N, C-alpha and C. Protein backbone atom coordinates (compact mmCIF):
# COMPACT_ATOMS: atom_id res chain seq x y z
N MET A 1 -4.43 -19.02 3.84
CA MET A 1 -3.42 -18.94 4.46
C MET A 1 -2.90 -20.08 4.56
N SER A 2 -1.65 -20.22 4.52
CA SER A 2 -1.08 -21.71 4.36
C SER A 2 -0.90 -22.17 5.80
N ALA A 3 -1.03 -23.41 6.16
CA ALA A 3 -0.66 -23.97 7.42
C ALA A 3 0.65 -24.06 7.94
N ASP A 4 1.46 -24.07 6.82
CA ASP A 4 2.97 -23.84 7.11
C ASP A 4 3.49 -22.80 7.48
N LEU A 5 2.62 -21.42 7.02
CA LEU A 5 2.73 -20.14 7.48
C LEU A 5 2.34 -19.80 8.98
N ALA A 6 1.39 -20.59 9.54
CA ALA A 6 0.73 -20.30 10.43
C ALA A 6 1.84 -20.98 11.56
N ALA A 7 2.20 -22.39 11.25
CA ALA A 7 3.00 -22.86 12.01
C ALA A 7 4.28 -22.26 12.15
N GLU A 8 4.88 -21.52 11.22
CA GLU A 8 6.12 -20.58 11.41
C GLU A 8 5.89 -19.52 12.27
N ARG A 9 4.77 -18.93 12.17
CA ARG A 9 4.05 -18.03 13.12
C ARG A 9 4.18 -18.28 14.57
N ALA A 10 3.50 -19.40 14.59
CA ALA A 10 3.66 -19.93 16.06
C ALA A 10 4.88 -20.09 16.69
N THR A 11 5.77 -20.83 15.75
CA THR A 11 7.31 -21.17 16.27
C THR A 11 8.01 -20.03 16.47
N MET A 12 7.83 -18.71 15.76
CA MET A 12 8.32 -17.44 15.78
C MET A 12 7.99 -16.82 17.16
N VAL A 13 6.65 -17.12 17.48
CA VAL A 13 6.56 -16.56 19.02
C VAL A 13 7.27 -17.34 20.25
N GLU A 14 7.29 -18.49 19.82
CA GLU A 14 7.68 -19.30 21.09
C GLU A 14 9.17 -19.53 20.91
N SER A 15 10.11 -19.48 19.83
CA SER A 15 11.19 -19.40 19.91
C SER A 15 12.07 -17.99 19.75
N GLN A 16 11.26 -17.08 19.18
CA GLN A 16 12.12 -15.68 19.04
C GLN A 16 11.80 -14.81 20.26
N VAL A 17 10.10 -14.72 20.34
CA VAL A 17 9.58 -13.57 20.99
C VAL A 17 9.93 -14.04 22.48
N ARG A 18 9.25 -15.32 23.13
CA ARG A 18 8.86 -15.66 24.39
C ARG A 18 10.56 -15.82 25.12
N THR A 19 11.64 -16.19 24.16
CA THR A 19 12.82 -16.45 24.72
C THR A 19 13.51 -15.34 24.81
N SER A 20 13.10 -14.07 24.32
CA SER A 20 13.87 -12.59 24.62
C SER A 20 13.28 -11.87 25.39
N ASP A 21 12.36 -12.63 26.60
CA ASP A 21 11.96 -11.79 27.80
C ASP A 21 10.64 -11.05 27.76
N VAL A 22 10.06 -11.41 26.44
CA VAL A 22 8.72 -10.68 26.19
C VAL A 22 7.53 -11.85 26.83
N THR A 23 6.91 -11.20 28.06
CA THR A 23 5.93 -11.63 28.63
C THR A 23 4.80 -11.14 28.57
N ASP A 24 4.62 -10.27 27.90
CA ASP A 24 3.67 -9.73 27.60
C ASP A 24 2.69 -10.27 26.68
N LEU A 25 1.33 -10.94 27.54
CA LEU A 25 0.75 -12.39 26.73
C LEU A 25 -0.05 -11.59 25.71
N ALA A 26 -0.42 -10.41 25.71
CA ALA A 26 -1.37 -9.54 24.82
C ALA A 26 -0.69 -9.69 23.38
N ILE A 27 0.57 -8.81 23.41
CA ILE A 27 1.81 -8.90 22.43
C ILE A 27 1.67 -10.31 21.91
N GLN A 28 2.27 -11.05 22.40
CA GLN A 28 2.44 -12.53 22.10
C GLN A 28 1.37 -13.00 21.36
N ASP A 29 -0.07 -12.67 21.97
CA ASP A 29 -1.45 -13.04 21.43
C ASP A 29 -1.34 -12.60 19.73
N ALA A 30 -1.09 -11.17 19.86
CA ALA A 30 -1.71 -10.46 18.58
C ALA A 30 -0.34 -11.10 17.57
N MET A 31 0.86 -11.26 17.89
CA MET A 31 2.00 -11.76 16.99
C MET A 31 1.48 -12.97 16.69
N ARG A 32 1.00 -13.98 17.21
CA ARG A 32 0.48 -14.96 16.66
C ARG A 32 -0.77 -14.95 15.67
N ILE A 33 -1.68 -14.02 15.73
CA ILE A 33 -2.74 -14.08 14.96
C ILE A 33 -2.22 -13.36 13.51
N TYR A 34 -1.46 -12.00 13.63
CA TYR A 34 -1.44 -11.50 12.44
C TYR A 34 -0.38 -12.14 11.43
N PRO A 35 -0.73 -11.86 10.34
CA PRO A 35 0.31 -12.93 9.24
C PRO A 35 1.10 -11.99 8.61
N ARG A 36 2.43 -11.84 9.16
CA ARG A 36 3.29 -10.93 9.06
C ARG A 36 3.85 -11.00 7.35
N GLU A 37 3.60 -11.96 6.85
CA GLU A 37 3.96 -12.10 5.31
C GLU A 37 3.05 -11.17 4.55
N ARG A 38 1.99 -10.73 4.60
CA ARG A 38 1.36 -9.63 4.18
C ARG A 38 1.94 -8.32 3.87
N LEU A 39 2.78 -8.18 4.67
CA LEU A 39 3.70 -7.02 4.76
C LEU A 39 4.93 -6.86 3.41
N LEU A 40 5.11 -8.21 3.16
CA LEU A 40 6.27 -8.24 2.32
C LEU A 40 6.10 -8.74 0.69
N PRO A 41 6.83 -8.13 0.00
CA PRO A 41 6.83 -8.31 -1.35
C PRO A 41 6.74 -9.93 -1.75
N GLU A 42 6.05 -10.31 -2.42
CA GLU A 42 5.94 -11.64 -3.17
C GLU A 42 7.05 -12.43 -3.03
N GLY A 43 8.27 -12.20 -3.46
CA GLY A 43 9.47 -12.91 -3.56
C GLY A 43 10.07 -13.22 -1.95
N ARG A 44 9.52 -12.56 -1.18
CA ARG A 44 10.04 -12.19 0.26
C ARG A 44 9.29 -12.84 1.47
N ARG A 45 8.04 -13.10 1.08
CA ARG A 45 6.81 -13.62 2.03
C ARG A 45 7.60 -14.93 2.71
N ASN A 46 8.32 -15.73 1.78
CA ASN A 46 9.05 -16.97 2.69
C ASN A 46 9.93 -16.59 3.86
N LEU A 47 10.17 -15.36 3.90
CA LEU A 47 11.16 -14.89 5.10
C LEU A 47 10.68 -14.38 6.19
N ALA A 48 9.27 -14.37 6.25
CA ALA A 48 8.64 -13.13 7.14
C ALA A 48 8.90 -13.58 8.60
N TYR A 49 9.10 -15.10 8.88
CA TYR A 49 9.32 -15.22 10.23
C TYR A 49 10.70 -15.67 10.56
N ALA A 50 11.61 -15.48 9.66
CA ALA A 50 13.18 -15.44 10.39
C ALA A 50 13.46 -14.74 10.99
N ASP A 51 14.51 -14.76 11.66
CA ASP A 51 15.13 -14.02 12.76
C ASP A 51 16.04 -13.06 12.15
N ALA A 52 15.35 -12.23 11.25
CA ALA A 52 16.25 -11.25 10.47
C ALA A 52 15.44 -10.25 10.04
N GLU A 53 16.23 -8.85 9.76
CA GLU A 53 15.54 -8.04 9.39
C GLU A 53 15.24 -8.21 7.64
N ILE A 54 14.16 -7.79 7.38
CA ILE A 54 13.75 -8.10 5.82
C ILE A 54 13.29 -6.91 5.45
N ALA A 55 13.64 -6.74 3.94
CA ALA A 55 13.35 -5.20 3.46
C ALA A 55 12.12 -5.70 2.72
N TYR A 56 11.13 -4.39 2.87
CA TYR A 56 10.15 -4.56 2.31
C TYR A 56 9.82 -3.39 1.45
N ALA A 57 10.57 -2.53 1.28
CA ALA A 57 10.74 -1.11 0.59
C ALA A 57 11.85 -1.27 0.18
N PRO A 58 12.48 -0.04 -0.83
CA PRO A 58 13.59 0.37 -0.90
C PRO A 58 14.06 1.06 0.50
N GLY A 59 14.94 0.88 0.93
CA GLY A 59 15.67 2.06 2.07
C GLY A 59 14.65 1.46 3.65
N ARG A 60 13.74 0.09 3.79
CA ARG A 60 12.90 -0.11 4.50
C ARG A 60 13.07 -1.44 5.08
N TRP A 61 13.03 -1.99 6.45
CA TRP A 61 12.85 -3.23 7.00
C TRP A 61 12.34 -3.20 7.75
N LEU A 62 11.70 -4.50 7.76
CA LEU A 62 10.91 -5.07 8.92
C LEU A 62 11.82 -5.30 10.23
N LEU A 63 11.50 -5.01 11.51
CA LEU A 63 12.64 -5.42 12.55
C LEU A 63 12.63 -6.96 12.80
N ARG A 64 13.47 -7.55 13.46
CA ARG A 64 13.52 -8.67 13.72
C ARG A 64 12.36 -8.77 14.57
N PRO A 65 11.27 -10.20 14.58
CA PRO A 65 10.31 -10.11 15.42
C PRO A 65 10.50 -9.85 16.81
N MET A 66 11.63 -10.34 17.70
CA MET A 66 11.81 -10.23 19.12
C MET A 66 11.90 -8.71 19.24
N HIS A 67 12.98 -8.11 18.39
CA HIS A 67 13.09 -6.88 18.74
C HIS A 67 11.97 -5.82 18.59
N VAL A 68 10.87 -6.18 17.55
CA VAL A 68 9.59 -5.39 17.50
C VAL A 68 8.95 -5.54 19.00
N ALA A 69 9.10 -6.98 19.19
CA ALA A 69 8.01 -7.31 20.56
C ALA A 69 8.86 -6.84 21.51
N LYS A 70 10.15 -6.63 22.22
CA LYS A 70 10.64 -6.10 23.01
C LYS A 70 10.23 -4.55 22.86
N LEU A 71 10.34 -3.94 21.91
CA LEU A 71 10.12 -2.59 21.85
C LEU A 71 8.37 -2.23 22.07
N LEU A 72 7.73 -2.74 21.62
CA LEU A 72 6.33 -2.76 21.93
C LEU A 72 6.21 -3.14 23.40
N GLN A 73 6.76 -4.10 24.02
CA GLN A 73 6.54 -4.27 25.62
C GLN A 73 6.89 -3.14 26.37
N ALA A 74 8.36 -2.56 25.76
CA ALA A 74 8.80 -1.39 26.82
C ALA A 74 7.84 -0.14 26.45
N LEU A 75 6.85 0.00 25.52
CA LEU A 75 5.88 1.09 25.35
C LEU A 75 4.81 0.66 25.96
N LYS A 76 4.46 -0.36 26.52
CA LYS A 76 3.18 -0.47 27.18
C LYS A 76 2.16 0.00 26.61
N PRO A 77 1.63 -0.21 25.39
CA PRO A 77 0.56 0.06 24.90
C PRO A 77 -0.48 -0.01 25.58
N ARG A 78 -2.04 0.52 25.51
CA ARG A 78 -2.85 0.20 26.41
C ARG A 78 -4.06 0.63 25.14
N SER A 79 -4.99 -0.18 25.29
CA SER A 79 -6.26 -0.18 24.42
C SER A 79 -7.00 1.19 24.60
N GLY A 80 -7.17 1.81 23.44
CA GLY A 80 -7.93 3.16 23.70
C GLY A 80 -7.17 4.07 23.36
N GLU A 81 -5.51 4.25 23.51
CA GLU A 81 -4.48 5.15 22.99
C GLU A 81 -4.46 5.47 21.89
N THR A 82 -3.91 6.52 21.23
CA THR A 82 -3.53 6.45 20.09
C THR A 82 -1.91 6.48 19.84
N ALA A 83 -1.92 5.91 18.83
CA ALA A 83 -0.27 5.59 18.34
C ALA A 83 0.19 6.02 16.93
N LEU A 84 1.18 6.38 16.49
CA LEU A 84 1.97 6.60 15.39
C LEU A 84 3.08 5.82 15.10
N ALA A 85 2.92 4.87 14.07
CA ALA A 85 3.74 4.00 13.52
C ALA A 85 4.49 4.67 12.40
N ILE A 86 5.92 4.77 12.63
CA ILE A 86 6.75 5.52 11.55
C ILE A 86 7.51 4.32 10.98
N ALA A 87 7.21 4.06 9.78
CA ALA A 87 7.94 3.37 8.85
C ALA A 87 7.73 1.74 9.67
N ALA A 88 6.90 1.57 10.29
CA ALA A 88 6.51 0.40 11.26
C ALA A 88 5.21 -0.36 10.85
N PRO A 89 5.34 -1.27 9.70
CA PRO A 89 4.20 -1.61 9.33
C PRO A 89 3.56 -2.71 10.16
N TYR A 90 4.47 -3.63 10.70
CA TYR A 90 4.19 -4.62 11.68
C TYR A 90 3.75 -4.33 12.99
N ALA A 91 4.30 -3.14 13.38
CA ALA A 91 4.36 -2.71 14.84
C ALA A 91 2.77 -2.11 14.92
N ALA A 92 2.65 -1.44 13.40
CA ALA A 92 1.30 -0.56 13.71
C ALA A 92 0.17 -2.03 13.32
N GLU A 93 0.29 -2.94 12.69
CA GLU A 93 -0.79 -4.15 13.13
C GLU A 93 -1.09 -4.46 14.27
N ILE A 94 0.35 -4.78 15.02
CA ILE A 94 0.25 -5.29 16.32
C ILE A 94 -0.77 -4.52 17.08
N LEU A 95 -0.11 -2.95 17.09
CA LEU A 95 -0.62 -2.33 18.30
C LEU A 95 -2.20 -2.04 17.75
N ALA A 96 -2.70 -2.26 16.49
CA ALA A 96 -3.98 -2.27 16.14
C ALA A 96 -4.83 -3.44 17.02
N LEU A 97 -4.20 -4.58 16.70
CA LEU A 97 -4.49 -5.68 17.37
C LEU A 97 -4.91 -5.56 18.85
N LEU A 98 -4.04 -4.63 19.62
CA LEU A 98 -4.12 -4.60 20.80
C LEU A 98 -5.24 -3.28 21.17
N GLY A 99 -5.73 -2.76 20.42
CA GLY A 99 -7.13 -1.72 20.53
C GLY A 99 -6.52 -0.63 20.62
N LEU A 100 -5.36 -0.07 20.08
CA LEU A 100 -4.87 1.54 19.82
C LEU A 100 -5.45 1.99 18.39
N SER A 101 -5.96 3.22 18.31
CA SER A 101 -5.95 4.00 17.18
C SER A 101 -4.55 4.29 16.52
N VAL A 102 -4.51 3.63 15.35
CA VAL A 102 -2.96 3.81 15.07
C VAL A 102 -3.20 4.70 13.31
N THR A 103 -2.21 5.49 13.28
CA THR A 103 -1.74 6.49 12.35
C THR A 103 -0.68 5.82 11.93
N ARG A 104 -0.55 5.65 10.31
CA ARG A 104 0.75 5.10 9.91
C ARG A 104 1.33 6.37 9.16
N LEU A 105 2.79 6.60 9.10
CA LEU A 105 3.40 7.13 8.77
C LEU A 105 4.41 6.52 7.54
N GLU A 106 4.63 6.35 6.41
CA GLU A 106 5.13 5.75 5.37
C GLU A 106 5.69 6.43 4.52
N GLU A 107 5.14 7.44 3.85
CA GLU A 107 5.60 8.22 2.73
C GLU A 107 5.80 9.32 3.29
N GLY A 108 6.53 10.17 2.35
CA GLY A 108 6.79 11.54 2.57
C GLY A 108 7.87 11.92 3.62
N ASP A 109 7.88 12.92 4.16
CA ASP A 109 8.91 13.36 5.00
C ASP A 109 8.70 12.60 6.38
N LEU A 110 9.12 11.44 6.49
CA LEU A 110 9.28 10.98 7.90
C LEU A 110 9.58 11.64 9.02
N LYS A 111 10.52 12.69 8.93
CA LYS A 111 11.15 13.11 10.06
C LYS A 111 10.29 14.23 10.63
N HIS A 112 9.29 14.37 10.01
CA HIS A 112 8.28 15.52 10.71
C HIS A 112 6.91 14.84 11.64
N ALA A 113 6.88 14.76 12.17
CA ALA A 113 5.59 14.36 12.87
C ALA A 113 4.68 15.05 13.35
N ASP A 114 3.41 15.16 12.95
CA ASP A 114 2.21 16.11 13.53
C ASP A 114 1.16 15.38 13.97
N GLY A 115 1.20 16.04 15.44
CA GLY A 115 0.06 15.34 16.31
C GLY A 115 0.19 15.21 17.62
N SER A 116 -0.30 14.56 18.44
CA SER A 116 0.03 14.21 19.59
C SER A 116 -0.50 12.75 19.87
N PHE A 117 0.36 11.88 20.65
CA PHE A 117 0.35 10.54 20.45
C PHE A 117 0.84 9.92 21.81
N ASP A 118 0.06 8.97 22.35
CA ASP A 118 0.32 8.09 23.17
C ASP A 118 1.55 7.42 23.20
N VAL A 119 1.67 6.95 21.89
CA VAL A 119 2.64 5.82 21.56
C VAL A 119 2.98 6.08 20.35
N ILE A 120 4.48 6.11 20.29
CA ILE A 120 4.87 6.21 18.80
C ILE A 120 6.28 5.12 18.43
N ALA A 121 6.20 4.12 17.50
CA ALA A 121 7.02 3.32 17.32
C ALA A 121 7.52 3.48 15.89
N CYS A 122 8.91 3.23 15.68
CA CYS A 122 9.69 3.36 14.32
C CYS A 122 10.09 1.98 14.43
N GLU A 123 10.11 1.25 13.27
CA GLU A 123 10.73 -0.03 13.36
C GLU A 123 12.36 0.05 12.35
N GLY A 124 12.55 1.11 11.94
CA GLY A 124 13.66 1.44 11.03
C GLY A 124 14.75 1.94 12.28
N ALA A 125 15.92 2.23 11.92
CA ALA A 125 16.82 2.60 13.12
C ALA A 125 17.47 4.03 12.47
N VAL A 126 17.45 4.79 12.88
CA VAL A 126 17.96 6.12 12.86
C VAL A 126 19.23 6.71 13.22
N GLY A 127 19.97 7.70 12.66
CA GLY A 127 21.29 8.05 13.23
C GLY A 127 20.86 8.80 14.56
N THR A 128 19.99 9.69 14.61
CA THR A 128 19.36 10.67 15.76
C THR A 128 17.81 10.77 15.21
N THR A 129 17.42 10.55 16.51
CA THR A 129 16.03 10.74 16.81
C THR A 129 15.54 11.93 16.43
N PRO A 130 14.59 12.42 15.50
CA PRO A 130 14.05 13.79 15.00
C PRO A 130 13.41 14.19 16.01
N GLU A 131 13.64 15.61 16.46
CA GLU A 131 12.74 16.21 17.80
C GLU A 131 11.51 16.40 17.38
N SER A 132 11.12 16.30 16.31
CA SER A 132 9.62 16.39 16.10
C SER A 132 8.87 15.04 16.41
N TRP A 133 9.27 14.10 16.57
CA TRP A 133 8.98 12.89 17.03
C TRP A 133 8.74 12.84 18.63
N LYS A 134 9.54 13.52 19.14
CA LYS A 134 9.76 13.75 20.70
C LYS A 134 8.92 14.62 20.96
N THR A 135 8.51 15.90 20.09
CA THR A 135 7.38 16.85 20.81
C THR A 135 6.15 16.25 20.34
N ALA A 136 6.07 15.22 19.73
CA ALA A 136 4.77 14.84 19.16
C ALA A 136 4.10 13.96 20.40
N LEU A 137 4.76 13.80 21.57
CA LEU A 137 4.34 12.61 22.32
C LEU A 137 3.36 13.61 23.38
N ALA A 138 2.27 13.09 23.31
CA ALA A 138 1.07 13.61 24.41
C ALA A 138 1.72 13.29 25.89
N PRO A 139 1.43 13.96 26.71
CA PRO A 139 1.53 13.90 28.23
C PRO A 139 1.39 12.36 28.27
N GLY A 140 2.65 11.72 29.20
CA GLY A 140 2.54 10.80 29.46
C GLY A 140 3.10 9.66 28.35
N GLY A 141 3.43 10.01 27.35
CA GLY A 141 3.78 9.50 25.83
C GLY A 141 4.85 8.67 25.66
N ARG A 142 4.81 7.72 25.02
CA ARG A 142 6.11 6.66 24.76
C ARG A 142 6.65 6.62 23.47
N LEU A 143 8.04 6.71 23.10
CA LEU A 143 8.38 6.59 22.06
C LEU A 143 9.45 5.52 21.91
N GLY A 144 9.32 4.44 21.11
CA GLY A 144 10.36 3.39 20.83
C GLY A 144 11.03 3.78 19.50
N VAL A 145 12.26 4.04 19.42
CA VAL A 145 13.18 3.86 17.97
C VAL A 145 14.77 3.07 18.39
N ILE A 146 15.24 2.51 17.34
CA ILE A 146 16.27 2.46 17.32
C ILE A 146 17.43 3.31 16.83
N GLU A 147 18.32 3.90 17.44
CA GLU A 147 19.10 4.78 17.08
C GLU A 147 20.62 4.00 16.88
N ARG A 148 21.04 4.34 15.80
CA ARG A 148 22.46 3.53 15.37
C ARG A 148 23.34 4.59 14.64
N ASP A 149 24.84 4.68 15.13
CA ASP A 149 25.83 5.79 14.79
C ASP A 149 26.90 4.75 14.83
N GLY A 150 26.89 3.84 13.78
CA GLY A 150 27.94 2.82 14.07
C GLY A 150 27.72 1.22 14.03
N PRO A 151 28.43 0.35 14.24
CA PRO A 151 28.29 -1.08 13.80
C PRO A 151 26.83 -1.37 14.96
N VAL A 152 26.89 -0.96 15.85
CA VAL A 152 25.43 -1.33 17.00
C VAL A 152 24.69 -0.36 16.85
N GLY A 153 23.26 -0.46 17.43
CA GLY A 153 22.49 0.47 17.40
C GLY A 153 22.04 0.17 18.68
N ARG A 154 20.92 0.73 19.23
CA ARG A 154 20.67 0.99 20.50
C ARG A 154 19.01 1.44 20.52
N ALA A 155 18.33 0.40 21.04
CA ALA A 155 16.67 0.58 21.09
C ALA A 155 16.31 1.79 22.09
N MET A 156 15.79 2.88 22.20
CA MET A 156 15.67 3.77 23.14
C MET A 156 14.26 4.07 23.27
N LEU A 157 13.74 4.31 24.43
CA LEU A 157 12.90 4.87 25.45
C LEU A 157 12.74 6.16 25.69
N TYR A 158 11.44 6.80 24.96
CA TYR A 158 11.64 8.25 25.52
C TYR A 158 10.21 8.34 25.85
N LEU A 159 10.05 9.29 27.04
CA LEU A 159 9.01 9.33 27.94
C LEU A 159 8.93 10.82 28.05
N ARG A 160 7.51 11.07 27.91
CA ARG A 160 6.87 12.58 28.63
C ARG A 160 6.42 12.42 29.47
N ALA A 161 7.06 13.47 30.21
CA ALA A 161 6.61 13.77 31.71
C ALA A 161 6.40 15.27 31.93
N GLY A 162 5.13 15.94 31.77
CA GLY A 162 4.83 17.36 31.46
C GLY A 162 5.67 17.99 30.47
N SER A 163 6.62 18.71 30.84
CA SER A 163 7.27 19.48 29.70
C SER A 163 8.54 18.84 29.41
N THR A 164 9.03 17.84 30.23
CA THR A 164 10.03 17.26 30.33
C THR A 164 10.01 15.57 29.36
N ILE A 165 11.24 15.53 28.58
CA ILE A 165 11.32 14.03 28.03
C ILE A 165 12.48 13.44 28.15
N GLY A 166 12.41 12.33 28.98
CA GLY A 166 13.50 11.47 29.45
C GLY A 166 13.70 10.30 28.38
N SER A 167 14.87 9.78 28.60
CA SER A 167 15.11 8.63 27.91
C SER A 167 15.90 7.49 28.83
N ARG A 168 15.79 6.41 28.19
CA ARG A 168 16.51 5.39 28.63
C ARG A 168 16.92 3.97 27.67
N SER A 169 17.96 3.26 27.83
CA SER A 169 18.15 2.55 26.67
C SER A 169 17.62 1.03 27.05
N LEU A 170 17.09 0.24 26.12
CA LEU A 170 16.47 -0.79 26.17
C LEU A 170 17.48 -1.98 25.95
N PHE A 171 17.93 -1.95 24.64
CA PHE A 171 18.75 -3.39 24.27
C PHE A 171 19.57 -2.85 22.93
N ASP A 172 20.34 -3.70 22.76
CA ASP A 172 21.37 -3.57 21.62
C ASP A 172 20.73 -4.16 20.57
N CYS A 173 20.67 -3.90 19.20
CA CYS A 173 20.46 -4.75 18.00
C CYS A 173 21.32 -4.07 16.81
N THR A 174 21.12 -4.51 15.43
CA THR A 174 22.12 -4.10 14.65
C THR A 174 21.21 -3.69 13.33
N PRO A 175 19.67 -3.03 13.42
CA PRO A 175 19.13 -2.95 11.85
C PRO A 175 19.59 -1.96 11.05
N PRO A 176 19.36 -2.13 9.76
CA PRO A 176 20.22 -1.16 8.86
C PRO A 176 19.34 0.22 9.23
N VAL A 177 20.03 1.27 9.09
CA VAL A 177 19.66 2.48 9.17
C VAL A 177 18.78 3.03 7.66
N MET A 178 17.48 3.29 8.30
CA MET A 178 16.70 4.00 6.82
C MET A 178 17.20 5.04 6.08
N ALA A 179 16.90 5.03 4.72
CA ALA A 179 17.34 5.94 4.21
C ALA A 179 17.00 7.12 4.44
N GLY A 180 17.73 8.08 4.33
CA GLY A 180 17.53 9.75 5.09
C GLY A 180 17.67 9.91 6.16
N PHE A 181 17.78 8.68 7.02
CA PHE A 181 17.95 9.08 8.48
C PHE A 181 19.67 8.60 9.06
N GLU A 182 20.52 8.77 7.97
CA GLU A 182 21.88 8.33 8.35
C GLU A 182 22.56 9.41 8.93
N THR A 183 23.23 9.34 9.97
CA THR A 183 24.23 10.11 10.26
C THR A 183 25.00 11.39 9.46
N VAL A 184 25.07 12.51 9.27
CA VAL A 184 25.59 13.20 8.59
C VAL A 184 27.30 13.61 9.42
N ARG A 185 28.07 13.46 8.59
CA ARG A 185 29.46 13.44 9.33
C ARG A 185 30.01 14.53 8.52
N GLY A 186 30.74 15.24 9.48
CA GLY A 186 31.39 16.77 8.97
C GLY A 186 32.71 16.65 9.47
N PHE A 187 33.49 17.76 9.22
CA PHE A 187 34.83 17.87 9.86
C PHE A 187 34.62 19.60 10.55
N THR A 188 35.17 19.32 11.56
CA THR A 188 35.28 20.43 12.07
C THR A 188 36.55 21.06 12.43
N LEU A 189 37.15 22.06 12.98
CA LEU A 189 38.23 22.32 13.61
C LEU A 189 38.11 22.74 15.15
């Protein structure tokens, strides 16, 4: 590991994460530990700690570090819980460091989630959150996703209480919409 990248990682936490009201020390510590550059193609690793969305595969981006941290803090992950990371490689690594059992969904039909999870995180924006993601929440489960249908997206938190799923808005952000999750517009009379 390069000492420069380790210094950049520490600076990322101090200048991007902590200044964005992320007060969860476990999340901060995990972000100080995990080398985010491992998730990026060779030619983009120097961007790993930038305050920007970074493409890691066609139609997929890592969220800005502060947005991942804020989303994870809202999810209140606890050691021993189960998590589903949908197109969320960095969030998956942080959740694993926090002691969660993480299932990664990166390939195939990302709109269909099977199972029952305490925590579900998605790092890419979607036009509309798929219903299967919501129904994959275990009782007391939390889903963090960014919904974007226009110039600005909104990070959303979905919570399951019994058979009811409620939601609340967390913060605004503007990540690109993942390929295949664009809002389909049509003409109606």
